[in-house]
């Protein structure tokens, strides 16, 4: 086994409900774009536990924040990670390297956090 690095870019979508953000807007829009209010809204403190590094996003605005009428918040962020992986270089590129990382949240709130993995 040898160590190699892989760059991974993905979108992490998180969704939750906050009844304080419900609104009765009669416009034709389904949601409010809250990108300029992200500092005023509770956001989950999601951390990546891994062997590797973060890479700065090329696009300066690397997230989307939407608030729906019923108080549902949809938070989408682009992440670019450089992962240290274990693979077999003697058969590269036909090996199946193992690249792992974990998500963690340590926000001590009264809200419960449930994570689900949605396969595309």
PDB file of N, CA and C in Angstrom:
ATOM      1  N   UNK A   1       0.838  -1.183   0.000  1.00  0.00           N
ATOM      2  CA  UNK A   1       0.000   0.000   0.000  1.00  0.00           C
ATOM      3  C   UNK A   1       0.882   1.245   0.000  1.00  0.00           C
ATOM      4  N   UNK A   2       0.444   2.220  -0.750  1.00  0.00           N
ATOM      5  CA  UNK A   2       1.149   3.487  -0.830  1.00  0.00           C
ATOM      6  C   UNK A   2       0.162   4.615  -0.586  1.00  0.00           C
ATOM      7  N   UNK A   3       0.698   5.735  -0.161  1.00  0.00           N
ATOM      8  CA  UNK A   3      -0.136   6.900   0.085  1.00  0.00           C
ATOM      9  C   UNK A   3      -0.166   7.764  -1.173  1.00  0.00           C
ATOM     10  N   UNK A   4      -1.343   8.224  -1.546  1.00  0.00           N
ATOM     11  CA  UNK A   4      -1.491   9.119  -2.679  1.00  0.00           C
ATOM     12  C   UNK A   4      -2.538  10.168  -2.315  1.00  0.00           C
ATOM     13  N   UNK A   5      -2.585  11.218  -3.088  1.00  0.00           N
ATOM     14  CA  UNK A   5      -3.528  12.298  -2.811  1.00  0.00           C
ATOM     15  C   UNK A   5      -4.525  12.415  -3.959  1.00  0.00           C
ATOM     16  N   UNK A   6      -5.776  12.623  -3.594  1.00  0.00           N
ATOM     17  CA  UNK A   6      -6.846  12.842  -4.563  1.00  0.00           C
ATOM     18  C   UNK A   6      -7.558  14.139  -4.209  1.00  0.00           C
ATOM     19  N   UNK A   7      -7.910  14.892  -5.251  1.00  0.00           N
ATOM     20  CA  UNK A   7      -8.712  16.095  -5.048  1.00  0.00           C
ATOM     21  C   UNK A   7     -10.168  15.740  -5.320  1.00  0.00           C
ATOM     22  N   UNK A   8     -11.035  16.120  -4.392  1.00  0.00           N
ATOM     23  CA  UNK A   8     -12.457  15.807  -4.490  1.00  0.00           C
ATOM     24  C   UNK A   8     -13.241  17.105  -4.341  1.00  0.00           C
ATOM     25  N   UNK A   9     -14.140  17.346  -5.264  1.00  0.00           N
ATOM     26  CA  UNK A   9     -15.027  18.504  -5.160  1.00  0.00           C
ATOM     27  C   UNK A   9     -16.460  17.990  -5.153  1.00  0.00           C
ATOM     28  N   UNK A  10     -17.254  18.489  -4.210  1.00  0.00           N
ATOM     29  CA  UNK A  10     -18.633  18.016  -4.092  1.00  0.00           C
ATOM     30  C   UNK A  10     -19.505  19.110  -3.505  1.00  0.00           C
ATOM     31  N   UNK A  11     -20.811  18.892  -3.596  1.00  0.00           N
ATOM     32  CA  UNK A  11     -21.797  19.790  -3.003  1.00  0.00           C
ATOM     33  C   UNK A  11     -22.390  19.102  -1.787  1.00  0.00           C
ATOM     34  N   UNK A  12     -22.388  19.794  -0.670  1.00  0.00           N
ATOM     35  CA  UNK A  12     -22.990  19.280   0.556  1.00  0.00           C
ATOM     36  C   UNK A  12     -24.280  20.052   0.793  1.00  0.00           C
ATOM     37  N   UNK A  13     -25.402  19.347   0.773  1.00  0.00           N
ATOM     38  CA  UNK A  13     -26.698  19.979   0.994  1.00  0.00           C
ATOM     39  C   UNK A  13     -27.201  19.607   2.376  1.00  0.00           C
ATOM     40  N   UNK A  14     -27.578  20.627   3.148  1.00  0.00           N
ATOM     41  CA  UNK A  14     -28.134  20.424   4.480  1.00  0.00           C
ATOM     42  C   UNK A  14     -29.482  21.133   4.534  1.00  0.00           C
ATOM     43  N   UNK A  15     -30.436  20.499   5.186  1.00  0.00           N
ATOM     44  CA  UNK A  15     -31.781  21.065   5.259  1.00  0.00           C
ATOM     45  C   UNK A  15     -32.325  20.869   6.659  1.00  0.00           C
ATOM     46  N   UNK A  16     -32.995  21.889   7.181  1.00  0.00           N
ATOM     47  CA  UNK A  16     -33.600  21.809   8.500  1.00  0.00           C
ATOM     48  C   UNK A  16     -34.791  22.752   8.556  1.00  0.00           C
ATOM     49  N   UNK A  17     -35.506  22.673   9.636  1.00  0.00           N
ATOM     50  CA  UNK A  17     -36.723  23.450   9.831  1.00  0.00           C
ATOM     51  C   UNK A  17     -36.538  24.357  11.038  1.00  0.00           C
ATOM     52  N   UNK A  18     -36.874  25.631  10.869  1.00  0.00           N
ATOM     53  CA  UNK A  18     -36.841  26.592  11.966  1.00  0.00           C
ATOM     54  C   UNK A  18     -38.157  27.366  11.926  1.00  0.00           C
ATOM     55  N   UNK A  19     -39.085  27.098  12.857  1.00  0.00           N
ATOM     56  CA  UNK A  19     -40.400  27.745  12.802  1.00  0.00           C
ATOM     57  C   UNK A  19     -40.327  29.265  12.933  1.00  0.00           C
ATOM     58  N   UNK A  20     -39.247  29.793  13.477  1.00  0.00           N
ATOM     59  CA  UNK A  20     -39.108  31.248  13.614  1.00  0.00           C
ATOM     60  C   UNK A  20     -38.955  31.941  12.269  1.00  0.00           C
ATOM     61  N   UNK A  21     -38.603  31.194  11.227  1.00  0.00           N
ATOM     62  CA  UNK A  21     -38.360  31.796   9.915  1.00  0.00           C
ATOM     63  C   UNK A  21     -39.527  31.612   8.945  1.00  0.00           C
ATOM     64  N   UNK A  22     -40.666  31.141   9.443  1.00  0.00           N
ATOM     65  CA  UNK A  22     -41.850  31.033   8.584  1.00  0.00           C
ATOM     66  C   UNK A  22     -42.318  32.431   8.193  1.00  0.00           C
ATOM     67  N   UNK A  23     -42.850  32.546   6.995  1.00  0.00           N
ATOM     68  CA  UNK A  23     -43.365  33.841   6.544  1.00  0.00           C
ATOM     69  C   UNK A  23     -44.529  33.612   5.587  1.00  0.00           C
ATOM     70  N   UNK A  24     -45.362  34.629   5.464  1.00  0.00           N
ATOM     71  CA  UNK A  24     -46.534  34.556   4.579  1.00  0.00           C
ATOM     72  C   UNK A  24     -46.349  35.571   3.467  1.00  0.00           C
ATOM     73  N   UNK A  25     -45.589  35.211   2.491  1.00  0.00           N
ATOM     74  CA  UNK A  25     -45.334  36.089   1.358  1.00  0.00           C
ATOM     75  C   UNK A  25     -46.192  35.618   0.188  1.00  0.00           C
ATOM     76  N   UNK A  26     -46.905  36.527  -0.417  1.00  0.00           N
ATOM     77  CA  UNK A  26     -47.806  36.168  -1.508  1.00  0.00           C
ATOM     78  C   UNK A  26     -47.140  36.289  -2.877  1.00  0.00           C
ATOM     79  N   UNK A  27     -45.826  36.411  -2.918  1.00  0.00           N
ATOM     80  CA  UNK A  27     -45.145  36.538  -4.208  1.00  0.00           C
ATOM     81  C   UNK A  27     -45.136  35.194  -4.930  1.00  0.00           C
ATOM     82  N   UNK A  28     -44.713  35.214  -6.169  1.00  0.00           N
ATOM     83  CA  UNK A  28     -44.675  33.984  -6.964  1.00  0.00           C
ATOM     84  C   UNK A  28     -43.409  33.165  -6.708  1.00  0.00           C
ATOM     85  N   UNK A  29     -42.504  33.689  -5.904  1.00  0.00           N
ATOM     86  CA  UNK A  29     -41.262  32.967  -5.618  1.00  0.00           C
ATOM     87  C   UNK A  29     -41.489  31.908  -4.544  1.00  0.00           C
ATOM     88  N   UNK A  30     -40.853  30.759  -4.720  1.00  0.00           N
ATOM     89  CA  UNK A  30     -41.009  29.661  -3.771  1.00  0.00           C
ATOM     90  C   UNK A  30     -40.184  29.861  -2.508  1.00  0.00           C
ATOM     91  N   UNK A  31     -39.100  30.618  -2.605  1.00  0.00           N
ATOM     92  CA  UNK A  31     -38.196  30.776  -1.471  1.00  0.00           C
ATOM     93  C   UNK A  31     -37.534  32.146  -1.512  1.00  0.00           C
ATOM     94  N   UNK A  32     -36.948  32.524  -0.378  1.00  0.00           N
ATOM     95  CA  UNK A  32     -36.149  33.741  -0.285  1.00  0.00           C
ATOM     96  C   UNK A  32     -34.682  33.367  -0.426  1.00  0.00           C
ATOM     97  N   UNK A  33     -33.944  34.157  -1.167  1.00  0.00           N
ATOM     98  CA  UNK A  33     -32.508  33.965  -1.269  1.00  0.00           C
ATOM     99  C   UNK A  33     -31.870  34.692  -0.092  1.00  0.00           C
ATOM    100  N   UNK A  34     -31.348  33.942   0.861  1.00  0.00           N
ATOM    101  CA  UNK A  34     -30.822  34.527   2.098  1.00  0.00           C
ATOM    102  C   UNK A  34     -29.306  34.597   2.104  1.00  0.00           C
ATOM    103  N   UNK A  35     -28.698  34.636   0.943  1.00  0.00           N
ATOM    104  CA  UNK A  35     -27.240  34.587   0.859  1.00  0.00           C
ATOM    105  C   UNK A  35     -26.577  35.771   1.575  1.00  0.00           C
ATOM    106  N   UNK A  36     -27.242  36.910   1.614  1.00  0.00           N
ATOM    107  CA  UNK A  36     -26.667  38.080   2.284  1.00  0.00           C
ATOM    108  C   UNK A  36     -27.022  38.141   3.770  1.00  0.00           C
ATOM    109  N   UNK A  37     -27.768  37.164   4.251  1.00  0.00           N
ATOM    110  CA  UNK A  37     -28.172  37.131   5.658  1.00  0.00           C
ATOM    111  C   UNK A  37     -27.625  35.909   6.383  1.00  0.00           C
ATOM    112  N   UNK A  38     -26.629  35.259   5.808  1.00  0.00           N
ATOM    113  CA  UNK A  38     -26.136  34.010   6.397  1.00  0.00           C
ATOM    114  C   UNK A  38     -25.534  34.207   7.785  1.00  0.00           C
ATOM    115  N   UNK A  39     -25.085  35.415   8.109  1.00  0.00           N
ATOM    116  CA  UNK A  39     -24.525  35.657   9.446  1.00  0.00           C
ATOM    117  C   UNK A  39     -25.621  35.831  10.496  1.00  0.00           C
ATOM    118  N   UNK A  40     -26.862  36.045  10.061  1.00  0.00           N
ATOM    119  CA  UNK A  40     -27.977  36.256  10.982  1.00  0.00           C
ATOM    120  C   UNK A  40     -28.798  34.997  11.230  1.00  0.00           C
ATOM    121  N   UNK A  41     -28.494  33.918  10.529  1.00  0.00           N
ATOM    122  CA  UNK A  41     -29.272  32.683  10.606  1.00  0.00           C
ATOM    123  C   UNK A  41     -28.401  31.584  11.195  1.00  0.00           C
ATOM    124  N   UNK A  42     -29.005  30.758  12.049  1.00  0.00           N
ATOM    125  CA  UNK A  42     -28.260  29.618  12.589  1.00  0.00           C
ATOM    126  C   UNK A  42     -27.899  28.675  11.451  1.00  0.00           C
ATOM    127  N   UNK A  43     -26.617  28.310  11.370  1.00  0.00           N
ATOM    128  CA  UNK A  43     -26.138  27.345  10.385  1.00  0.00           C
ATOM    129  C   UNK A  43     -25.435  26.218  11.122  1.00  0.00           C
ATOM    130  N   UNK A  44     -25.575  24.994  10.660  1.00  0.00           N
ATOM    131  CA  UNK A  44     -24.883  23.888  11.326  1.00  0.00           C
ATOM    132  C   UNK A  44     -23.371  24.037  11.183  1.00  0.00           C
ATOM    133  N   UNK A  45     -22.662  23.685  12.231  1.00  0.00           N
ATOM    134  CA  UNK A  45     -21.197  23.770  12.216  1.00  0.00           C
ATOM    135  C   UNK A  45     -20.626  22.417  11.782  1.00  0.00           C
ATOM    136  N   UNK A  46     -20.678  22.168  10.505  1.00  0.00           N
ATOM    137  CA  UNK A  46     -20.242  20.889   9.963  1.00  0.00           C
ATOM    138  C   UNK A  46     -18.741  20.937   9.700  1.00  0.00           C
ATOM    139  N   UNK A  47     -18.021  19.983  10.296  1.00  0.00           N
ATOM    140  CA  UNK A  47     -16.577  19.885  10.123  1.00  0.00           C
ATOM    141  C   UNK A  47     -16.248  18.608   9.376  1.00  0.00           C
ATOM    142  N   UNK A  48     -15.150  18.638   8.654  1.00  0.00           N
ATOM    143  CA  UNK A  48     -14.664  17.462   7.948  1.00  0.00           C
ATOM    144  C   UNK A  48     -13.445  16.931   8.680  1.00  0.00           C
ATOM    145  N   UNK A  49     -13.548  15.699   9.155  1.00  0.00           N
ATOM    146  CA  UNK A  49     -12.443  15.033   9.824  1.00  0.00           C
ATOM    147  C   UNK A  49     -11.814  14.119   8.779  1.00  0.00           C
ATOM    148  N   UNK A  50     -10.550  14.369   8.472  1.00  0.00           N
ATOM    149  CA  UNK A  50      -9.943  13.620   7.372  1.00  0.00           C
ATOM    150  C   UNK A  50      -8.430  13.652   7.478  1.00  0.00           C
ATOM    151  N   UNK A  51      -7.807  12.949   6.583  1.00  0.00           N
ATOM    152  CA  UNK A  51      -6.365  13.020   6.404  1.00  0.00           C
ATOM    153  C   UNK A  51      -6.145  13.752   5.095  1.00  0.00           C
ATOM    154  N   UNK A  52      -5.857  15.041   5.179  1.00  0.00           N
ATOM    155  CA  UNK A  52      -5.680  15.831   3.970  1.00  0.00           C
ATOM    156  C   UNK A  52      -5.860  17.304   4.266  1.00  0.00           C
ATOM    157  N   UNK A  53      -6.195  18.078   3.231  1.00  0.00           N
ATOM    158  CA  UNK A  53      -6.290  19.526   3.340  1.00  0.00           C
ATOM    159  C   UNK A  53      -7.535  20.029   2.627  1.00  0.00           C
ATOM    160  N   UNK A  54      -7.869  21.278   2.928  1.00  0.00           N
ATOM    161  CA  UNK A  54      -8.906  21.979   2.185  1.00  0.00           C
ATOM    162  C   UNK A  54      -8.234  22.757   1.071  1.00  0.00           C
ATOM    163  N   UNK A  55      -8.955  22.942   0.007  1.00  0.00           N
ATOM    164  CA  UNK A  55      -8.477  23.788  -1.074  1.00  0.00           C
ATOM    165  C   UNK A  55      -9.452  24.945  -1.187  1.00  0.00           C
ATOM    166  N   UNK A  56      -8.934  26.162  -1.303  1.00  0.00           N
ATOM    167  CA  UNK A  56      -9.801  27.331  -1.396  1.00  0.00           C
ATOM    168  C   UNK A  56     -10.651  27.256  -2.657  1.00  0.00           C
ATOM    169  N   UNK A  57     -11.920  27.639  -2.544  1.00  0.00           N
ATOM    170  CA  UNK A  57     -12.792  27.588  -3.724  1.00  0.00           C
ATOM    171  C   UNK A  57     -12.376  28.614  -4.763  1.00  0.00           C
ATOM    172  N   UNK A  58     -12.546  28.253  -6.025  1.00  0.00           N
ATOM    173  CA  UNK A  58     -12.229  29.171  -7.115  1.00  0.00           C
ATOM    174  C   UNK A  58     -13.283  30.267  -7.183  1.00  0.00           C
ATOM    175  N   UNK A  59     -14.521  29.893  -6.965  1.00  0.00           N
ATOM    176  CA  UNK A  59     -15.635  30.841  -7.002  1.00  0.00           C
ATOM    177  C   UNK A  59     -15.751  31.485  -5.622  1.00  0.00           C
ATOM    178  N   UNK A  60     -15.752  32.835  -5.534  1.00  0.00           N
ATOM    179  CA  UNK A  60     -15.800  33.469  -4.211  1.00  0.00           C
ATOM    180  C   UNK A  60     -17.061  33.128  -3.409  1.00  0.00           C
ATOM    181  N   UNK A  61     -18.207  33.062  -4.049  1.00  0.00           N
ATOM    182  CA  UNK A  61     -19.445  32.726  -3.357  1.00  0.00           C
ATOM    183  C   UNK A  61     -19.670  31.233  -3.542  1.00  0.00           C
ATOM    184  N   UNK A  62     -19.356  30.442  -2.525  1.00  0.00           N
ATOM    185  CA  UNK A  62     -19.378  28.987  -2.656  1.00  0.00           C
ATOM    186  C   UNK A  62     -20.504  28.332  -1.853  1.00  0.00           C
ATOM    187  N   UNK A  63     -21.601  29.060  -1.660  1.00  0.00           N
ATOM    188  CA  UNK A  63     -22.741  28.467  -0.964  1.00  0.00           C
ATOM    189  C   UNK A  63     -24.036  29.121  -1.435  1.00  0.00           C
ATOM    190  N   UNK A  64     -25.137  28.442  -1.162  1.00  0.00           N
ATOM    191  CA  UNK A  64     -26.475  28.973  -1.426  1.00  0.00           C
ATOM    192  C   UNK A  64     -27.301  28.745  -0.171  1.00  0.00           C
ATOM    193  N   UNK A  65     -28.138  29.710   0.158  1.00  0.00           N
ATOM    194  CA  UNK A  65     -28.968  29.631   1.355  1.00  0.00           C
ATOM    195  C   UNK A  65     -30.379  30.078   0.981  1.00  0.00           C
ATOM    196  N   UNK A  66     -31.327  29.155   1.116  1.00  0.00           N
ATOM    197  CA  UNK A  66     -32.713  29.437   0.738  1.00  0.00           C
ATOM    198  C   UNK A  66     -33.630  29.197   1.925  1.00  0.00           C
ATOM    199  N   UNK A  67     -34.577  30.117   2.103  1.00  0.00           N
ATOM    200  CA  UNK A  67     -35.575  29.984   3.165  1.00  0.00           C
ATOM    201  C   UNK A  67     -36.939  29.874   2.500  1.00  0.00           C
ATOM    202  N   UNK A  68     -37.639  28.787   2.800  1.00  0.00           N
ATOM    203  CA  UNK A  68     -38.962  28.550   2.233  1.00  0.00           C
ATOM    204  C   UNK A  68     -40.041  29.077   3.177  1.00  0.00           C
ATOM    205  N   UNK A  69     -41.243  29.300   2.644  1.00  0.00           N
ATOM    206  CA  UNK A  69     -42.349  29.894   3.412  1.00  0.00           C
ATOM    207  C   UNK A  69     -42.669  29.145   4.701  1.00  0.00           C
ATOM    208  N   UNK A  70     -42.523  27.825   4.683  1.00  0.00           N
ATOM    209  CA  UNK A  70     -42.886  27.028   5.863  1.00  0.00           C
ATOM    210  C   UNK A  70     -41.788  26.986   6.924  1.00  0.00           C
ATOM    211  N   UNK A  71     -40.673  27.704   6.711  1.00  0.00           N
ATOM    212  CA  UNK A  71     -39.584  27.734   7.678  1.00  0.00           C
ATOM    213  C   UNK A  71     -38.480  26.729   7.401  1.00  0.00           C
ATOM    214  N   UNK A  72     -38.550  26.043   6.282  1.00  0.00           N
ATOM    215  CA  UNK A  72     -37.494  25.107   5.898  1.00  0.00           C
ATOM    216  C   UNK A  72     -36.321  25.884   5.320  1.00  0.00           C
ATOM    217  N   UNK A  73     -35.130  25.564   5.770  1.00  0.00           N
ATOM    218  CA  UNK A  73     -33.912  26.197   5.279  1.00  0.00           C
ATOM    219  C   UNK A  73     -33.136  25.164   4.487  1.00  0.00           C
ATOM    220  N   UNK A  74     -32.670  25.552   3.318  1.00  0.00           N
ATOM    221  CA  UNK A  74     -31.861  24.694   2.470  1.00  0.00           C
ATOM    222  C   UNK A  74     -30.502  25.373   2.311  1.00  0.00           C
ATOM    223  N   UNK A  75     -29.451  24.706   2.764  1.00  0.00           N
ATOM    224  CA  UNK A  75     -28.094  25.253   2.754  1.00  0.00           C
ATOM    225  C   UNK A  75     -27.222  24.346   1.897  1.00  0.00           C
ATOM    226  N   UNK A  76     -26.694  24.884   0.836  1.00  0.00           N
ATOM    227  CA  UNK A  76     -25.879  24.124  -0.101  1.00  0.00           C
ATOM    228  C   UNK A  76     -24.501  24.765  -0.161  1.00  0.00           C
ATOM    229  N   UNK A  77     -23.455  23.978   0.058  1.00  0.00           N
ATOM    230  CA  UNK A  77     -22.110  24.542  -0.034  1.00  0.00           C
ATOM    231  C   UNK A  77     -21.198  23.642  -0.849  1.00  0.00           C
ATOM    232  N   UNK A  78     -20.312  24.281  -1.595  1.00  0.00           N
ATOM    233  CA  UNK A  78     -19.337  23.577  -2.414  1.00  0.00           C
ATOM    234  C   UNK A  78     -18.069  23.403  -1.590  1.00  0.00           C
ATOM    235  N   UNK A  79     -17.551  22.189  -1.581  1.00  0.00           N
ATOM    236  CA  UNK A  79     -16.322  21.878  -0.855  1.00  0.00           C
ATOM    237  C   UNK A  79     -15.322  21.232  -1.798  1.00  0.00           C
ATOM    238  N   UNK A  80     -14.081  21.566  -1.592  1.00  0.00           N
ATOM    239  CA  UNK A  80     -12.988  21.006  -2.378  1.00  0.00           C
ATOM    240  C   UNK A  80     -11.959  20.494  -1.382  1.00  0.00           C
ATOM    241  N   UNK A  81     -11.799  19.178  -1.317  1.00  0.00           N
ATOM    242  CA  UNK A  81     -10.896  18.555  -0.358  1.00  0.00           C
ATOM    243  C   UNK A  81      -9.747  17.876  -1.083  1.00  0.00           C
ATOM    244  N   UNK A  82      -8.602  17.850  -0.434  1.00  0.00           N
ATOM    245  CA  UNK A  82      -7.465  17.068  -0.901  1.00  0.00           C
ATOM    246  C   UNK A  82      -7.285  15.953   0.116  1.00  0.00           C
ATOM    247  N   UNK A  83      -7.571  14.730  -0.298  1.00  0.00           N
ATOM    248  CA  UNK A  83      -7.574  13.594   0.615  1.00  0.00           C
ATOM    249  C   UNK A  83      -6.316  12.756   0.454  1.00  0.00           C
ATOM    250  N   UNK A  84      -5.778  12.308   1.570  1.00  0.00           N
ATOM    251  CA  UNK A  84      -4.692  11.330   1.548  1.00  0.00           C
ATOM    252  C   UNK A  84      -5.338   9.953   1.512  1.00  0.00           C
ATOM    253  N   UNK A  85      -4.976   9.176   0.521  1.00  0.00           N
ATOM    254  CA  UNK A  85      -5.614   7.884   0.295  1.00  0.00           C
ATOM    255  C   UNK A  85      -4.570   6.770   0.312  1.00  0.00           C
ATOM    256  N   UNK A  86      -5.041   5.577   0.568  1.00  0.00           N
ATOM    257  CA  UNK A  86      -4.194   4.390   0.510  1.00  0.00           C
ATOM    258  C   UNK A  86      -4.531   3.624  -0.763  1.00  0.00           C
ATOM    259  N   UNK A  87      -3.511   3.383  -1.581  1.00  0.00           N
ATOM    260  CA  UNK A  87      -3.721   2.658  -2.828  1.00  0.00           C
ATOM    261  C   UNK A  87      -2.513   1.798  -3.151  1.00  0.00           C
ATOM    262  N   UNK A  88      -2.610   1.071  -4.236  1.00  0.00           N
ATOM    263  CA  UNK A  88      -1.506   0.215  -4.673  1.00  0.00           C
ATOM    264  C   UNK A  88      -0.947   0.803  -5.962  1.00  0.00           C
ATOM    265  N   UNK A  89       0.181   1.488  -5.844  1.00  0.00           N
ATOM    266  CA  UNK A  89       0.759   2.176  -6.993  1.00  0.00           C
ATOM    267  C   UNK A  89       1.274   1.212  -8.058  1.00  0.00           C
ATOM    268  N   UNK A  90       1.587  -0.021  -7.688  1.00  0.00           N
ATOM    269  CA  UNK A  90       2.115  -0.958  -8.678  1.00  0.00           C
ATOM    270  C   UNK A  90       1.077  -1.338  -9.732  1.00  0.00           C
ATOM    271  N   UNK A  91      -0.214  -1.117  -9.461  1.00  0.00           N
ATOM    272  CA  UNK A  91      -1.244  -1.386 -10.472  1.00  0.00           C
ATOM    273  C   UNK A  91      -2.040  -0.125 -10.834  1.00  0.00           C
ATOM    274  N   UNK A  92      -1.541   1.052 -10.423  1.00  0.00           N
ATOM    275  CA  UNK A  92      -2.191   2.320 -10.746  1.00  0.00           C
ATOM    276  C   UNK A  92      -2.283   2.458 -12.262  1.00  0.00           C
ATOM    277  N   UNK A  93      -3.334   2.903 -12.866  1.00  0.00           N
ATOM    278  CA  UNK A  93      -4.569   3.488 -12.352  1.00  0.00           C
ATOM    279  C   UNK A  93      -5.694   2.474 -12.168  1.00  0.00           C
ATOM    280  N   UNK A  94      -5.375   1.199 -12.097  1.00  0.00           N
ATOM    281  CA  UNK A  94      -6.407   0.174 -11.990  1.00  0.00           C
ATOM    282  C   UNK A  94      -6.680  -0.252 -10.554  1.00  0.00           C
ATOM    283  N   UNK A  95      -6.058   0.402  -9.604  1.00  0.00           N
ATOM    284  CA  UNK A  95      -6.305   0.061  -8.200  1.00  0.00           C
ATOM    285  C   UNK A  95      -7.595   0.718  -7.728  1.00  0.00           C
ATOM    286  N   UNK A  96      -8.037   0.355  -6.568  1.00  0.00           N
ATOM    287  CA  UNK A  96      -9.213   0.960  -5.937  1.00  0.00           C
ATOM    288  C   UNK A  96      -8.759   1.615  -4.644  1.00  0.00           C
ATOM    289  N   UNK A  97      -8.282   2.867  -4.725  1.00  0.00           N
ATOM    290  CA  UNK A  97      -7.770   3.504  -3.507  1.00  0.00           C
ATOM    291  C   UNK A  97      -8.881   3.746  -2.485  1.00  0.00           C
ATOM    292  N   UNK A  98      -8.507   3.705  -1.233  1.00  0.00           N
ATOM    293  CA  UNK A  98      -9.437   3.956  -0.138  1.00  0.00           C
ATOM    294  C   UNK A  98      -9.203   5.369   0.375  1.00  0.00           C
ATOM    295  N   UNK A  99     -10.185   6.230   0.165  1.00  0.00           N
ATOM    296  CA  UNK A  99     -10.116   7.620   0.607  1.00  0.00           C
ATOM    297  C   UNK A  99     -11.275   7.835   1.574  1.00  0.00           C
ATOM    298  N   UNK A 100     -10.973   8.177   2.790  1.00  0.00           N
ATOM    299  CA  UNK A 100     -12.061   8.334   3.755  1.00  0.00           C
ATOM    300  C   UNK A 100     -11.969   9.670   4.468  1.00  0.00           C
ATOM    301  N   UNK A 101     -13.138  10.163   4.834  1.00  0.00           N
ATOM    302  CA  UNK A 101     -13.244  11.329   5.702  1.00  0.00           C
ATOM    303  C   UNK A 101     -14.580  11.226   6.416  1.00  0.00           C
ATOM    304  N   UNK A 102     -14.742  12.012   7.446  1.00  0.00           N
ATOM    305  CA  UNK A 102     -15.971  11.962   8.238  1.00  0.00           C
ATOM    306  C   UNK A 102     -16.511  13.370   8.429  1.00  0.00           C
ATOM    307  N   UNK A 103     -17.815  13.457   8.627  1.00  0.00           N
ATOM    308  CA  UNK A 103     -18.474  14.717   8.960  1.00  0.00           C
ATOM    309  C   UNK A 103     -18.751  14.725  10.449  1.00  0.00           C
ATOM    310  N   UNK A 104     -18.609  15.897  11.043  1.00  0.00           N
ATOM    311  CA  UNK A 104     -18.855  16.019  12.475  1.00  0.00           C
ATOM    312  C   UNK A 104     -19.493  17.367  12.760  1.00  0.00           C
ATOM    313  N   UNK A 105     -20.366  17.396  13.737  1.00  0.00           N
ATOM    314  CA  UNK A 105     -20.973  18.635  14.195  1.00  0.00           C
ATOM    315  C   UNK A 105     -20.922  18.645  15.713  1.00  0.00           C
ATOM    316  N   UNK A 106     -20.395  19.714  16.283  1.00  0.00           N
ATOM    317  CA  UNK A 106     -20.253  19.774  17.741  1.00  0.00           C
ATOM    318  C   UNK A 106     -21.017  20.943  18.340  1.00  0.00           C
ATOM    319  N   UNK A 107     -22.028  21.417  17.642  1.00  0.00           N
ATOM    320  CA  UNK A 107     -22.805  22.547  18.127  1.00  0.00           C
ATOM    321  C   UNK A 107     -23.682  22.107  19.295  1.00  0.00           C
ATOM    322  N   UNK A 108     -23.439  22.632  20.480  1.00  0.00           N
ATOM    323  CA  UNK A 108     -24.236  22.224  21.648  1.00  0.00           C
ATOM    324  C   UNK A 108     -25.557  22.979  21.730  1.00  0.00           C
ATOM    325  N   UNK A 109     -26.509  22.599  20.895  1.00  0.00           N
ATOM    326  CA  UNK A 109     -27.814  23.256  20.921  1.00  0.00           C
ATOM    327  C   UNK A 109     -28.865  22.277  21.403  1.00  0.00           C
ATOM    328  N   UNK A 110     -30.042  22.791  21.613  1.00  0.00           N
ATOM    329  CA  UNK A 110     -31.156  21.943  22.042  1.00  0.00           C
ATOM    330  C   UNK A 110     -31.762  21.196  20.862  1.00  0.00           C
ATOM    331  N   UNK A 111     -31.360  21.575  19.648  1.00  0.00           N
ATOM    332  CA  UNK A 111     -31.896  20.922  18.460  1.00  0.00           C
ATOM    333  C   UNK A 111     -31.186  19.595  18.236  1.00  0.00           C
ATOM    334  N   UNK A 112     -31.930  18.622  17.785  1.00  0.00           N
ATOM    335  CA  UNK A 112     -31.298  17.354  17.426  1.00  0.00           C
ATOM    336  C   UNK A 112     -30.915  17.410  15.956  1.00  0.00           C
ATOM    337  N   UNK A 113     -29.805  16.810  15.633  1.00  0.00           N
ATOM    338  CA  UNK A 113     -29.309  16.797  14.269  1.00  0.00           C
ATOM    339  C   UNK A 113     -29.364  15.368  13.759  1.00  0.00           C
ATOM    340  N   UNK A 114     -30.046  15.174  12.653  1.00  0.00           N
ATOM    341  CA  UNK A 114     -30.144  13.858  12.031  1.00  0.00           C
ATOM    342  C   UNK A 114     -29.520  13.974  10.648  1.00  0.00           C
ATOM    343  N   UNK A 115     -28.536  13.143  10.366  1.00  0.00           N
ATOM    344  CA  UNK A 115     -27.911  13.176   9.050  1.00  0.00           C
ATOM    345  C   UNK A 115     -28.381  11.981   8.241  1.00  0.00           C
ATOM    346  N   UNK A 116     -28.581  12.222   6.960  1.00  0.00           N
ATOM    347  CA  UNK A 116     -28.947  11.146   6.047  1.00  0.00           C
ATOM    348  C   UNK A 116     -28.051  11.234   4.829  1.00  0.00           C
ATOM    349  N   UNK A 117     -27.824  10.122   4.209  1.00  0.00           N
ATOM    350  CA  UNK A 117     -26.997  10.062   3.019  1.00  0.00           C
ATOM    351  C   UNK A 117     -27.905   9.795   1.833  1.00  0.00           C
ATOM    352  N   UNK A 118     -28.051  10.786   0.966  1.00  0.00           N
ATOM    353  CA  UNK A 118     -28.904  10.640  -0.215  1.00  0.00           C
ATOM    354  C   UNK A 118     -28.034  10.272  -1.400  1.00  0.00           C
ATOM    355  N   UNK A 119     -28.237   9.096  -1.920  1.00  0.00           N
ATOM    356  CA  UNK A 119     -27.468   8.645  -3.082  1.00  0.00           C
ATOM    357  C   UNK A 119     -28.059   9.267  -4.340  1.00  0.00           C
ATOM    358  N   UNK A 120     -27.192   9.741  -5.272  1.00  0.00           N
ATOM    359  CA  UNK A 120     -27.716  10.334  -6.517  1.00  0.00           C
ATOM    360  C   UNK A 120     -28.357   9.309  -7.414  1.00  0.00           C
TER     361      UNK A 120
END
